[in-house]
Amino acid sequence: MNNLTTGLVSVLFVAAGMLSIGIFAIAWRRNLASALAGIPLMFGGAGIAFVGVARFSARAAAQVQPATGPRVIVGVSGPPVGQEIAVLIAIVSLAVVALGVALAARASRSSTQESPR
């Protein structure tokens, strides 16, 4: 069986693709509620980029050992900084979409009601 290796360039291409699809969805849609569907794609692309860079930078740091001084052992996965940032981005994306849906619902409700005089 052949093993599939994924490099940093592949991860960044997927992240850039998701980011550009999200930007396209926001720019193309006329309705605010449907345009909000592009925001999680944009944030997801940014999260994938953070996780990919963190993974491959940790692997490179594990291969380089200092010439002098104590030997530092770093796991292949490295510190979970990229994963933590990706989770934070996902939470912020969820909050932005919830706020946008609430604002869109409020705008549609206020436009259908007549203002009292």
PDB file of N, CA and C in Angstrom:
ATOM      1  N   MET A   1       0.846  -1.173   0.000  1.00  0.00           N
ATOM      2  CA  MET A   1       0.000   0.000   0.000  1.00  0.00           C
ATOM      3  C   MET A   1       0.897   1.244   0.000  1.00  0.00           C
ATOM      4  N   ASN A   2       0.559   2.215  -0.804  1.00  0.00           N
ATOM      5  CA  ASN A   2       1.328   3.455  -0.874  1.00  0.00           C
ATOM      6  C   ASN A   2       0.877   4.418   0.208  1.00  0.00           C
ATOM      7  N   ASN A   3       1.857   5.030   0.852  1.00  0.00           N
ATOM      8  CA  ASN A   3       1.543   6.036   1.862  1.00  0.00           C
ATOM      9  C   ASN A   3       1.390   7.395   1.201  1.00  0.00           C
ATOM     10  N   LEU A   4       0.457   8.138   1.667  1.00  0.00           N
ATOM     11  CA  LEU A   4       0.215   9.482   1.150  1.00  0.00           C
ATOM     12  C   LEU A   4       0.849  10.478   2.101  1.00  0.00           C
ATOM     13  N   THR A   5       1.745  11.287   1.585  1.00  0.00           N
ATOM     14  CA  THR A   5       2.366  12.314   2.419  1.00  0.00           C
ATOM     15  C   THR A   5       1.799  13.666   2.038  1.00  0.00           C
ATOM     16  N   THR A   6       1.493  14.429   3.038  1.00  0.00           N
ATOM     17  CA  THR A   6       0.941  15.760   2.830  1.00  0.00           C
ATOM     18  C   THR A   6       1.945  16.775   3.339  1.00  0.00           C
ATOM     19  N   GLY A   7       2.264  17.726   2.508  1.00  0.00           N
ATOM     20  CA  GLY A   7       3.211  18.761   2.900  1.00  0.00           C
ATOM     21  C   GLY A   7       2.506  20.045   3.286  1.00  0.00           C
ATOM     22  N   LEU A   8       3.304  20.988   3.711  1.00  0.00           N
ATOM     23  CA  LEU A   8       2.763  22.277   4.125  1.00  0.00           C
ATOM     24  C   LEU A   8       2.113  23.013   2.960  1.00  0.00           C
ATOM     25  N   VAL A   9       2.674  22.856   1.775  1.00  0.00           N
ATOM     26  CA  VAL A   9       2.117  23.545   0.610  1.00  0.00           C
ATOM     27  C   VAL A   9       0.698  23.055   0.324  1.00  0.00           C
ATOM     28  N   SER A  10       0.470  21.761   0.446  1.00  0.00           N
ATOM     29  CA  SER A  10      -0.877  21.217   0.226  1.00  0.00           C
ATOM     30  C   SER A  10      -1.868  21.764   1.238  1.00  0.00           C
ATOM     31  N   VAL A  11      -1.441  21.834   2.492  1.00  0.00           N
ATOM     32  CA  VAL A  11      -2.315  22.362   3.543  1.00  0.00           C
ATOM     33  C   VAL A  11      -2.636  23.825   3.280  1.00  0.00           C
ATOM     34  N   LEU A  12      -1.635  24.595   2.867  1.00  0.00           N
ATOM     35  CA  LEU A  12      -1.872  26.018   2.607  1.00  0.00           C
ATOM     36  C   LEU A  12      -2.742  26.234   1.371  1.00  0.00           C
ATOM     37  N   PHE A  13      -2.646  25.341   0.375  1.00  0.00           N
ATOM     38  CA  PHE A  13      -3.534  25.450  -0.784  1.00  0.00           C
ATOM     39  C   PHE A  13      -4.989  25.190  -0.390  1.00  0.00           C
ATOM     40  N   VAL A  14      -5.218  24.198   0.459  1.00  0.00           N
ATOM     41  CA  VAL A  14      -6.582  23.922   0.929  1.00  0.00           C
ATOM     42  C   VAL A  14      -7.105  25.104   1.739  1.00  0.00           C
ATOM     43  N   ALA A  15      -6.252  25.666   2.601  1.00  0.00           N
ATOM     44  CA  ALA A  15      -6.653  26.822   3.410  1.00  0.00           C
ATOM     45  C   ALA A  15      -6.974  28.024   2.526  1.00  0.00           C
ATOM     46  N   ALA A  16      -6.147  28.264   1.517  1.00  0.00           N
ATOM     47  CA  ALA A  16      -6.405  29.387   0.610  1.00  0.00           C
ATOM     48  C   ALA A  16      -7.673  29.162  -0.202  1.00  0.00           C
ATOM     49  N   GLY A  17      -7.935  27.917  -0.586  1.00  0.00           N
ATOM     50  CA  GLY A  17      -9.163  27.607  -1.313  1.00  0.00           C
ATOM     51  C   GLY A  17     -10.402  27.862  -0.478  1.00  0.00           C
ATOM     52  N   MET A  18     -10.370  27.420   0.781  1.00  0.00           N
ATOM     53  CA  MET A  18     -11.522  27.664   1.659  1.00  0.00           C
ATOM     54  C   MET A  18     -11.711  29.153   1.917  1.00  0.00           C
ATOM     55  N   LEU A  19     -10.616  29.866   2.102  1.00  0.00           N
ATOM     56  CA  LEU A  19     -10.701  31.305   2.332  1.00  0.00           C
ATOM     57  C   LEU A  19     -11.285  32.021   1.119  1.00  0.00           C
ATOM     58  N   SER A  20     -10.839  31.656  -0.078  1.00  0.00           N
ATOM     59  CA  SER A  20     -11.349  32.321  -1.277  1.00  0.00           C
ATOM     60  C   SER A  20     -12.806  31.944  -1.564  1.00  0.00           C
ATOM     61  N   ILE A  21     -13.205  30.715  -1.271  1.00  0.00           N
ATOM     62  CA  ILE A  21     -14.614  30.339  -1.435  1.00  0.00           C
ATOM     63  C   ILE A  21     -15.486  31.134  -0.475  1.00  0.00           C
ATOM     64  N   GLY A  22     -15.020  31.323   0.757  1.00  0.00           N
ATOM     65  CA  GLY A  22     -15.766  32.129   1.725  1.00  0.00           C
ATOM     66  C   GLY A  22     -15.891  33.575   1.296  1.00  0.00           C
ATOM     67  N   ILE A  23     -14.808  34.150   0.783  1.00  0.00           N
ATOM     68  CA  ILE A  23     -14.859  35.535   0.294  1.00  0.00           C
ATOM     69  C   ILE A  23     -15.808  35.642  -0.889  1.00  0.00           C
ATOM     70  N   PHE A  24     -15.756  34.663  -1.789  1.00  0.00           N
ATOM     71  CA  PHE A  24     -16.653  34.661  -2.942  1.00  0.00           C
ATOM     72  C   PHE A  24     -18.109  34.552  -2.505  1.00  0.00           C
ATOM     73  N   ALA A  25     -18.392  33.710  -1.503  1.00  0.00           N
ATOM     74  CA  ALA A  25     -19.769  33.549  -1.018  1.00  0.00           C
ATOM     75  C   ALA A  25     -20.283  34.840  -0.399  1.00  0.00           C
ATOM     76  N   ILE A  26     -19.431  35.545   0.321  1.00  0.00           N
ATOM     77  CA  ILE A  26     -19.857  36.809   0.929  1.00  0.00           C
ATOM     78  C   ILE A  26     -20.078  37.877  -0.139  1.00  0.00           C
ATOM     79  N   ALA A  27     -19.194  37.941  -1.109  1.00  0.00           N
ATOM     80  CA  ALA A  27     -19.298  38.984  -2.133  1.00  0.00           C
ATOM     81  C   ALA A  27     -20.436  38.721  -3.114  1.00  0.00           C
ATOM     82  N   TRP A  28     -20.748  37.467  -3.382  1.00  0.00           N
ATOM     83  CA  TRP A  28     -21.714  37.133  -4.417  1.00  0.00           C
ATOM     84  C   TRP A  28     -23.157  37.210  -3.933  1.00  0.00           C
ATOM     85  N   ARG A  29     -23.405  36.912  -2.668  1.00  0.00           N
ATOM     86  CA  ARG A  29     -24.778  36.849  -2.156  1.00  0.00           C
ATOM     87  C   ARG A  29     -25.342  38.237  -1.909  1.00  0.00           C
ATOM     88  N   ARG A  30     -26.585  38.409  -2.241  1.00  0.00           N
ATOM     89  CA  ARG A  30     -27.268  39.680  -1.999  1.00  0.00           C
ATOM     90  C   ARG A  30     -27.938  39.691  -0.629  1.00  0.00           C
ATOM     91  N   ASN A  31     -28.415  38.543  -0.195  1.00  0.00           N
ATOM     92  CA  ASN A  31     -29.105  38.431   1.075  1.00  0.00           C
ATOM     93  C   ASN A  31     -28.076  38.292   2.199  1.00  0.00           C
ATOM     94  N   LEU A  32     -28.279  39.021   3.289  1.00  0.00           N
ATOM     95  CA  LEU A  32     -27.324  39.002   4.393  1.00  0.00           C
ATOM     96  C   LEU A  32     -27.250  37.632   5.053  1.00  0.00           C
ATOM     97  N   ALA A  33     -28.383  36.984   5.214  1.00  0.00           N
ATOM     98  CA  ALA A  33     -28.398  35.680   5.880  1.00  0.00           C
ATOM     99  C   ALA A  33     -27.636  34.630   5.078  1.00  0.00           C
ATOM    100  N   SER A  34     -27.759  34.650   3.774  1.00  0.00           N
ATOM    101  CA  SER A  34     -27.017  33.683   2.969  1.00  0.00           C
ATOM    102  C   SER A  34     -25.557  34.084   2.797  1.00  0.00           C
ATOM    103  N   ALA A  35     -25.258  35.364   2.889  1.00  0.00           N
ATOM    104  CA  ALA A  35     -23.861  35.801   2.820  1.00  0.00           C
ATOM    105  C   ALA A  35     -23.099  35.401   4.073  1.00  0.00           C
ATOM    106  N   LEU A  36     -23.812  35.237   5.171  1.00  0.00           N
ATOM    107  CA  LEU A  36     -23.157  34.820   6.410  1.00  0.00           C
ATOM    108  C   LEU A  36     -22.631  33.391   6.331  1.00  0.00           C
ATOM    109  N   ALA A  37     -23.064  32.634   5.348  1.00  0.00           N
ATOM    110  CA  ALA A  37     -22.571  31.267   5.195  1.00  0.00           C
ATOM    111  C   ALA A  37     -21.103  31.241   4.787  1.00  0.00           C
ATOM    112  N   GLY A  38     -20.600  32.313   4.232  1.00  0.00           N
ATOM    113  CA  GLY A  38     -19.195  32.364   3.838  1.00  0.00           C
ATOM    114  C   GLY A  38     -18.237  32.630   4.980  1.00  0.00           C
ATOM    115  N   ILE A  39     -18.729  33.161   6.081  1.00  0.00           N
ATOM    116  CA  ILE A  39     -17.849  33.497   7.205  1.00  0.00           C
ATOM    117  C   ILE A  39     -17.219  32.254   7.827  1.00  0.00           C
ATOM    118  N   PRO A  40     -17.970  31.181   8.105  1.00  0.00           N
ATOM    119  CA  PRO A  40     -17.289  29.992   8.646  1.00  0.00           C
ATOM    120  C   PRO A  40     -16.270  29.389   7.687  1.00  0.00           C
ATOM    121  N   LEU A  41     -16.508  29.512   6.391  1.00  0.00           N
ATOM    122  CA  LEU A  41     -15.513  29.014   5.439  1.00  0.00           C
ATOM    123  C   LEU A  41     -14.219  29.812   5.528  1.00  0.00           C
ATOM    124  N   MET A  42     -14.345  31.122   5.644  1.00  0.00           N
ATOM    125  CA  MET A  42     -13.151  31.960   5.766  1.00  0.00           C
ATOM    126  C   MET A  42     -12.389  31.642   7.052  1.00  0.00           C
ATOM    127  N   PHE A  43     -13.106  31.564   8.151  1.00  0.00           N
ATOM    128  CA  PHE A  43     -12.453  31.267   9.422  1.00  0.00           C
ATOM    129  C   PHE A  43     -11.901  29.838   9.436  1.00  0.00           C
ATOM    130  N   GLY A  44     -12.586  28.914   8.779  1.00  0.00           N
ATOM    131  CA  GLY A  44     -12.087  27.543   8.690  1.00  0.00           C
ATOM    132  C   GLY A  44     -10.786  27.454   7.906  1.00  0.00           C
ATOM    133  N   GLY A  45     -10.696  28.228   6.834  1.00  0.00           N
ATOM    134  CA  GLY A  45      -9.447  28.275   6.080  1.00  0.00           C
ATOM    135  C   GLY A  45      -8.299  28.824   6.906  1.00  0.00           C
ATOM    136  N   ALA A  46      -8.581  29.854   7.689  1.00  0.00           N
ATOM    137  CA  ALA A  46      -7.543  30.406   8.564  1.00  0.00           C
ATOM    138  C   ALA A  46      -7.143  29.392   9.633  1.00  0.00           C
ATOM    139  N   GLY A  47      -8.110  28.662  10.164  1.00  0.00           N
ATOM    140  CA  GLY A  47      -7.804  27.641  11.165  1.00  0.00           C
ATOM    141  C   GLY A  47      -6.955  26.513  10.599  1.00  0.00           C
ATOM    142  N   ILE A  48      -7.267  26.081   9.386  1.00  0.00           N
ATOM    143  CA  ILE A  48      -6.469  25.035   8.741  1.00  0.00           C
ATOM    144  C   ILE A  48      -5.045  25.517   8.518  1.00  0.00           C
ATOM    145  N   ALA A  49      -4.886  26.772   8.139  1.00  0.00           N
ATOM    146  CA  ALA A  49      -3.542  27.318   7.946  1.00  0.00           C
ATOM    147  C   ALA A  49      -2.764  27.328   9.261  1.00  0.00           C
ATOM    148  N   PHE A  50      -3.388  27.738  10.346  1.00  0.00           N
ATOM    149  CA  PHE A  50      -2.706  27.755  11.642  1.00  0.00           C
ATOM    150  C   PHE A  50      -2.298  26.351  12.078  1.00  0.00           C
ATOM    151  N   VAL A  51      -3.204  25.388  11.937  1.00  0.00           N
ATOM    152  CA  VAL A  51      -2.900  24.018  12.352  1.00  0.00           C
ATOM    153  C   VAL A  51      -1.787  23.428  11.493  1.00  0.00           C
ATOM    154  N   GLY A  52      -1.834  23.668  10.192  1.00  0.00           N
ATOM    155  CA  GLY A  52      -0.799  23.139   9.308  1.00  0.00           C
ATOM    156  C   GLY A  52       0.569  23.718   9.591  1.00  0.00           C
ATOM    157  N   VAL A  53       0.634  25.019   9.780  1.00  0.00           N
ATOM    158  CA  VAL A  53       1.919  25.652  10.077  1.00  0.00           C
ATOM    159  C   VAL A  53       2.448  25.171  11.421  1.00  0.00           C
ATOM    160  N   ALA A  54       1.577  25.035  12.411  1.00  0.00           N
ATOM    161  CA  ALA A  54       2.024  24.559  13.726  1.00  0.00           C
ATOM    162  C   ALA A  54       2.536  23.124  13.642  1.00  0.00           C
ATOM    163  N   ARG A  55       1.867  22.298  12.867  1.00  0.00           N
ATOM    164  CA  ARG A  55       2.292  20.897  12.763  1.00  0.00           C
ATOM    165  C   ARG A  55       3.641  20.776  12.087  1.00  0.00           C
ATOM    166  N   PHE A  56       3.809  21.455  10.976  1.00  0.00           N
ATOM    167  CA  PHE A  56       5.051  21.301  10.238  1.00  0.00           C
ATOM    168  C   PHE A  56       6.207  22.065  10.876  1.00  0.00           C
ATOM    169  N   SER A  57       5.941  23.137  11.586  1.00  0.00           N
ATOM    170  CA  SER A  57       7.030  23.820  12.288  1.00  0.00           C
ATOM    171  C   SER A  57       7.477  22.999  13.493  1.00  0.00           C
ATOM    172  N   ALA A  58       6.557  22.285  14.151  1.00  0.00           N
ATOM    173  CA  ALA A  58       6.937  21.412  15.266  1.00  0.00           C
ATOM    174  C   ALA A  58       7.763  20.236  14.768  1.00  0.00           C
ATOM    175  N   ARG A  59       7.414  19.704  13.609  1.00  0.00           N
ATOM    176  CA  ARG A  59       8.193  18.593  13.050  1.00  0.00           C
ATOM    177  C   ARG A  59       9.602  19.057  12.695  1.00  0.00           C
ATOM    178  N   ALA A  60       9.736  20.261  12.140  1.00  0.00           N
ATOM    179  CA  ALA A  60      11.058  20.784  11.810  1.00  0.00           C
ATOM    180  C   ALA A  60      11.860  21.059  13.075  1.00  0.00           C
ATOM    181  N   ALA A  61      11.204  21.534  14.120  1.00  0.00           N
ATOM    182  CA  ALA A  61      11.905  21.799  15.379  1.00  0.00           C
ATOM    183  C   ALA A  61      12.348  20.503  16.036  1.00  0.00           C
ATOM    184  N   ALA A  62      11.611  19.420  15.846  1.00  0.00           N
ATOM    185  CA  ALA A  62      11.991  18.138  16.430  1.00  0.00           C
ATOM    186  C   ALA A  62      13.208  17.547  15.730  1.00  0.00           C
ATOM    187  N   GLN A  63      13.403  17.875  14.462  1.00  0.00           N
ATOM    188  CA  GLN A  63      14.533  17.335  13.723  1.00  0.00           C
ATOM    189  C   GLN A  63      15.823  18.087  14.014  1.00  0.00           C
ATOM    190  N   VAL A  64      15.724  19.328  14.453  1.00  0.00           N
ATOM    191  CA  VAL A  64      16.909  20.137  14.735  1.00  0.00           C
ATOM    192  C   VAL A  64      17.207  20.039  16.218  1.00  0.00           C
ATOM    193  N   GLN A  65      18.398  19.561  16.548  1.00  0.00           N
ATOM    194  CA  GLN A  65      18.812  19.457  17.940  1.00  0.00           C
ATOM    195  C   GLN A  65      19.947  20.450  18.180  1.00  0.00           C
ATOM    196  N   PRO A  66      19.985  21.080  19.333  1.00  0.00           N
ATOM    197  CA  PRO A  66      21.064  22.025  19.611  1.00  0.00           C
ATOM    198  C   PRO A  66      22.409  21.306  19.713  1.00  0.00           C
ATOM    199  N   ALA A  67      23.473  21.985  19.254  1.00  0.00           N
ATOM    200  CA  ALA A  67      24.807  21.389  19.281  1.00  0.00           C
ATOM    201  C   ALA A  67      25.328  21.280  20.705  1.00  0.00           C
ATOM    202  N   THR A  68      25.065  22.271  21.514  1.00  0.00           N
ATOM    203  CA  THR A  68      25.517  22.249  22.901  1.00  0.00           C
ATOM    204  C   THR A  68      24.331  22.468  23.818  1.00  0.00           C
ATOM    205  N   GLY A  69      24.516  22.121  25.057  1.00  0.00           N
ATOM    206  CA  GLY A  69      23.448  22.338  26.017  1.00  0.00           C
ATOM    207  C   GLY A  69      22.572  21.114  26.153  1.00  0.00           C
ATOM    208  N   PRO A  70      21.527  21.242  26.935  1.00  0.00           N
ATOM    209  CA  PRO A  70      20.654  20.083  27.156  1.00  0.00           C
ATOM    210  C   PRO A  70      19.859  19.742  25.901  1.00  0.00           C
ATOM    211  N   ARG A  71      19.609  18.463  25.749  1.00  0.00           N
ATOM    212  CA  ARG A  71      18.843  18.001  24.597  1.00  0.00           C
ATOM    213  C   ARG A  71      17.360  18.221  24.877  1.00  0.00           C
ATOM    214  N   VAL A  72      16.700  18.899  23.981  1.00  0.00           N
ATOM    215  CA  VAL A  72      15.283  19.195  24.125  1.00  0.00           C
ATOM    216  C   VAL A  72      14.506  18.199  23.277  1.00  0.00           C
ATOM    217  N   ILE A  73      13.570  17.511  23.902  1.00  0.00           N
ATOM    218  CA  ILE A  73      12.759  16.537  23.174  1.00  0.00           C
ATOM    219  C   ILE A  73      11.398  17.165  22.907  1.00  0.00           C
ATOM    220  N   VAL A  74      11.079  17.282  21.642  1.00  0.00           N
ATOM    221  CA  VAL A  74       9.799  17.845  21.226  1.00  0.00           C
ATOM    222  C   VAL A  74       9.061  16.766  20.463  1.00  0.00           C
ATOM    223  N   GLY A  75       7.809  16.554  20.794  1.00  0.00           N
ATOM    224  CA  GLY A  75       7.018  15.569  20.076  1.00  0.00           C
ATOM    225  C   GLY A  75       6.746  16.019  18.651  1.00  0.00           C
ATOM    226  N   VAL A  76       6.328  15.077  17.824  1.00  0.00           N
ATOM    227  CA  VAL A  76       6.051  15.409  16.428  1.00  0.00           C
ATOM    228  C   VAL A  76       4.892  16.389  16.330  1.00  0.00           C
ATOM    229  N   SER A  77       3.930  16.232  17.206  1.00  0.00           N
ATOM    230  CA  SER A  77       2.799  17.152  17.151  1.00  0.00           C
ATOM    231  C   SER A  77       3.153  18.505  17.737  1.00  0.00           C
ATOM    232  N   GLY A  78       4.172  18.558  18.583  1.00  0.00           N
ATOM    233  CA  GLY A  78       4.635  19.826  19.128  1.00  0.00           C
ATOM    234  C   GLY A  78       3.634  20.441  20.079  1.00  0.00           C
ATOM    235  N   PRO A  79       3.911  21.643  20.478  1.00  0.00           N
ATOM    236  CA  PRO A  79       2.951  22.325  21.349  1.00  0.00           C
ATOM    237  C   PRO A  79       1.673  22.632  20.571  1.00  0.00           C
ATOM    238  N   PRO A  80       0.535  22.528  21.211  1.00  0.00           N
ATOM    239  CA  PRO A  80      -0.732  22.668  20.483  1.00  0.00           C
ATOM    240  C   PRO A  80      -1.163  24.115  20.252  1.00  0.00           C
ATOM    241  N   VAL A  81      -0.217  24.999  19.937  1.00  0.00           N
ATOM    242  CA  VAL A  81      -0.560  26.406  19.743  1.00  0.00           C
ATOM    243  C   VAL A  81      -1.469  26.580  18.527  1.00  0.00           C
ATOM    244  N   GLY A  82      -1.139  25.915  17.423  1.00  0.00           N
ATOM    245  CA  GLY A  82      -1.965  26.034  16.221  1.00  0.00           C
ATOM    246  C   GLY A  82      -3.365  25.494  16.421  1.00  0.00           C
ATOM    247  N   GLN A  83      -3.468  24.395  17.156  1.00  0.00           N
ATOM    248  CA  GLN A  83      -4.777  23.816  17.426  1.00  0.00           C
ATOM    249  C   GLN A  83      -5.593  24.720  18.341  1.00  0.00           C
ATOM    250  N   GLU A  84      -4.935  25.325  19.314  1.00  0.00           N
ATOM    251  CA  GLU A  84      -5.645  26.237  20.213  1.00  0.00           C
ATOM    252  C   GLU A  84      -6.166  27.452  19.456  1.00  0.00           C
ATOM    253  N   ILE A  85      -5.358  27.982  18.562  1.00  0.00           N
ATOM    254  CA  ILE A  85      -5.795  29.138  17.774  1.00  0.00           C
ATOM    255  C   ILE A  85      -6.938  28.739  16.845  1.00  0.00           C
ATOM    256  N   ALA A  86      -6.889  27.527  16.283  1.00  0.00           N
ATOM    257  CA  ALA A  86      -7.970  27.067  15.407  1.00  0.00           C
ATOM    258  C   ALA A  86      -9.283  26.933  16.169  1.00  0.00           C
ATOM    259  N   VAL A  87      -9.228  26.439  17.401  1.00  0.00           N
ATOM    260  CA  VAL A  87     -10.448  26.341  18.213  1.00  0.00           C
ATOM    261  C   VAL A  87     -10.966  27.731  18.547  1.00  0.00           C
ATOM    262  N   LEU A  88     -10.072  28.649  18.871  1.00  0.00           N
ATOM    263  CA  LEU A  88     -10.477  30.030  19.145  1.00  0.00           C
ATOM    264  C   LEU A  88     -11.114  30.668  17.914  1.00  0.00           C
ATOM    265  N   ILE A  89     -10.551  30.412  16.742  1.00  0.00           N
ATOM    266  CA  ILE A  89     -11.118  30.938  15.499  1.00  0.00           C
ATOM    267  C   ILE A  89     -12.507  30.351  15.257  1.00  0.00           C
ATOM    268  N   ALA A  90     -12.687  29.062  15.533  1.00  0.00           N
ATOM    269  CA  ALA A  90     -14.003  28.440  15.350  1.00  0.00           C
ATOM    270  C   ALA A  90     -15.038  29.046  16.289  1.00  0.00           C
ATOM    271  N   ILE A  91     -14.648  29.332  17.524  1.00  0.00           N
ATOM    272  CA  ILE A  91     -15.579  29.941  18.478  1.00  0.00           C
ATOM    273  C   ILE A  91     -15.938  31.356  18.050  1.00  0.00           C
ATOM    274  N   VAL A  92     -14.951  32.124  17.601  1.00  0.00           N
ATOM    275  CA  VAL A  92     -15.219  33.489  17.133  1.00  0.00           C
ATOM    276  C   VAL A  92     -16.109  33.455  15.897  1.00  0.00           C
ATOM    277  N   SER A  93     -15.876  32.503  15.003  1.00  0.00           N
ATOM    278  CA  SER A  93     -16.713  32.368  13.810  1.00  0.00           C
ATOM    279  C   SER A  93     -18.159  32.076  14.174  1.00  0.00           C
ATOM    280  N   LEU A  94     -18.356  31.196  15.132  1.00  0.00           N
ATOM    281  CA  LEU A  94     -19.710  30.884  15.584  1.00  0.00           C
ATOM    282  C   LEU A  94     -20.383  32.108  16.186  1.00  0.00           C
ATOM    283  N   ALA A  95     -19.641  32.879  16.964  1.00  0.00           N
ATOM    284  CA  ALA A  95     -20.209  34.089  17.569  1.00  0.00           C
ATOM    285  C   ALA A  95     -20.552  35.131  16.511  1.00  0.00           C
ATOM    286  N   VAL A  96     -19.696  35.287  15.508  1.00  0.00           N
ATOM    287  CA  VAL A  96     -19.960  36.264  14.444  1.00  0.00           C
ATOM    288  C   VAL A  96     -21.198  35.869  13.647  1.00  0.00           C
ATOM    289  N   VAL A  97     -21.331  34.595  13.332  1.00  0.00           N
ATOM    290  CA  VAL A  97     -22.502  34.140  12.575  1.00  0.00           C
ATOM    291  C   VAL A  97     -23.772  34.299  13.403  1.00  0.00           C
ATOM    292  N   ALA A  98     -23.721  33.975  14.690  1.00  0.00           N
ATOM    293  CA  ALA A  98     -24.899  34.142  15.546  1.00  0.00           C
ATOM    294  C   ALA A  98     -25.300  35.606  15.641  1.00  0.00           C
ATOM    295  N   LEU A  99     -24.318  36.490  15.776  1.00  0.00           N
ATOM    296  CA  LEU A  99     -24.609  37.922  15.818  1.00  0.00           C
ATOM    297  C   LEU A  99     -25.189  38.401  14.492  1.00  0.00           C
ATOM    298  N   GLY A 100     -24.639  37.932  13.387  1.00  0.00           N
ATOM    299  CA  GLY A 100     -25.159  38.327  12.079  1.00  0.00           C
ATOM    300  C   GLY A 100     -26.573  37.844  11.833  1.00  0.00           C
ATOM    301  N   VAL A 101     -26.867  36.616  12.242  1.00  0.00           N
ATOM    302  CA  VAL A 101     -28.228  36.096  12.082  1.00  0.00           C
ATOM    303  C   VAL A 101     -29.202  36.882  12.947  1.00  0.00           C
ATOM    304  N   ALA A 102     -28.791  37.224  14.160  1.00  0.00           N
ATOM    305  CA  ALA A 102     -29.664  38.018  15.032  1.00  0.00           C
ATOM    306  C   ALA A 102     -29.911  39.402  14.448  1.00  0.00           C
ATOM    307  N   LEU A 103     -28.876  40.029  13.909  1.00  0.00           N
ATOM    308  CA  LEU A 103     -29.057  41.350  13.294  1.00  0.00           C
ATOM    309  C   LEU A 103     -29.922  41.272  12.041  1.00  0.00           C
ATOM    310  N   ALA A 104     -29.751  40.217  11.244  1.00  0.00           N
ATOM    311  CA  ALA A 104     -30.578  40.059  10.048  1.00  0.00           C
ATOM    312  C   ALA A 104     -32.033  39.817  10.419  1.00  0.00           C
ATOM    313  N   ALA A 105     -32.271  39.031  11.463  1.00  0.00           N
ATOM    314  CA  ALA A 105     -33.647  38.791  11.907  1.00  0.00           C
ATOM    315  C   ALA A 105     -34.272  40.067  12.443  1.00  0.00           C
ATOM    316  N   ARG A 106     -33.494  40.845  13.170  1.00  0.00           N
ATOM    317  CA  ARG A 106     -34.019  42.105  13.703  1.00  0.00           C
ATOM    318  C   ARG A 106     -34.313  43.102  12.586  1.00  0.00           C
ATOM    319  N   ALA A 107     -33.453  43.153  11.583  1.00  0.00           N
ATOM    320  CA  ALA A 107     -33.675  44.067  10.466  1.00  0.00           C
ATOM    321  C   ALA A 107     -34.898  43.663   9.658  1.00  0.00           C
ATOM    322  N   SER A 108     -35.097  42.369   9.459  1.00  0.00           N
ATOM    323  CA  SER A 108     -36.271  41.940   8.693  1.00  0.00           C
ATOM    324  C   SER A 108     -37.552  42.139   9.492  1.00  0.00           C
ATOM    325  N   ARG A 109     -37.468  41.980  10.802  1.00  0.00           N
ATOM    326  CA  ARG A 109     -38.643  42.185  11.640  1.00  0.00           C
ATOM    327  C   ARG A 109     -39.013  43.667  11.697  1.00  0.00           C
ATOM    328  N   SER A 110     -38.020  44.538  11.779  1.00  0.00           N
ATOM    329  CA  SER A 110     -38.325  45.965  11.870  1.00  0.00           C
ATOM    330  C   SER A 110     -38.770  46.535  10.528  1.00  0.00           C
ATOM    331  N   SER A 111     -38.350  45.917   9.423  1.00  0.00           N
ATOM    332  CA  SER A 111     -38.782  46.421   8.121  1.00  0.00           C
ATOM    333  C   SER A 111     -40.212  46.000   7.800  1.00  0.00           C
ATOM    334  N   THR A 112     -40.676  44.889   8.391  1.00  0.00           N
ATOM    335  CA  THR A 112     -42.045  44.448   8.117  1.00  0.00           C
ATOM    336  C   THR A 112     -43.063  45.156   9.000  1.00  0.00           C
ATOM    337  N   GLN A 113     -42.646  45.625  10.159  1.00  0.00           N
ATOM    338  CA  GLN A 113     -43.562  46.332  11.047  1.00  0.00           C
ATOM    339  C   GLN A 113     -43.573  47.813  10.694  1.00  0.00           C
ATOM    340  N   GLU A 114     -44.734  48.411  10.865  1.00  0.00           N
ATOM    341  CA  GLU A 114     -44.828  49.843  10.633  1.00  0.00           C
ATOM    342  C   GLU A 114     -44.434  50.574  11.903  1.00  0.00           C
ATOM    343  N   SER A 115     -43.741  51.661  11.732  1.00  0.00           N
ATOM    344  CA  SER A 115     -43.336  52.429  12.910  1.00  0.00           C
ATOM    345  C   SER A 115     -44.531  53.242  13.417  1.00  0.00           C
ATOM    346  N   PRO A 116     -44.746  53.247  14.745  1.00  0.00           N
ATOM    347  CA  PRO A 116     -45.886  54.002  15.293  1.00  0.00           C
ATOM    348  C   PRO A 116     -45.631  55.504  15.224  1.00  0.00           C
ATOM    349  N   ARG A 117     -46.713  56.260  15.055  1.00  0.00           N
ATOM    350  CA  ARG A 117     -46.602  57.723  14.978  1.00  0.00           C
ATOM    351  C   ARG A 117     -47.364  58.350  16.073  1.00  0.00           C
TER     352      ARG A 117
END
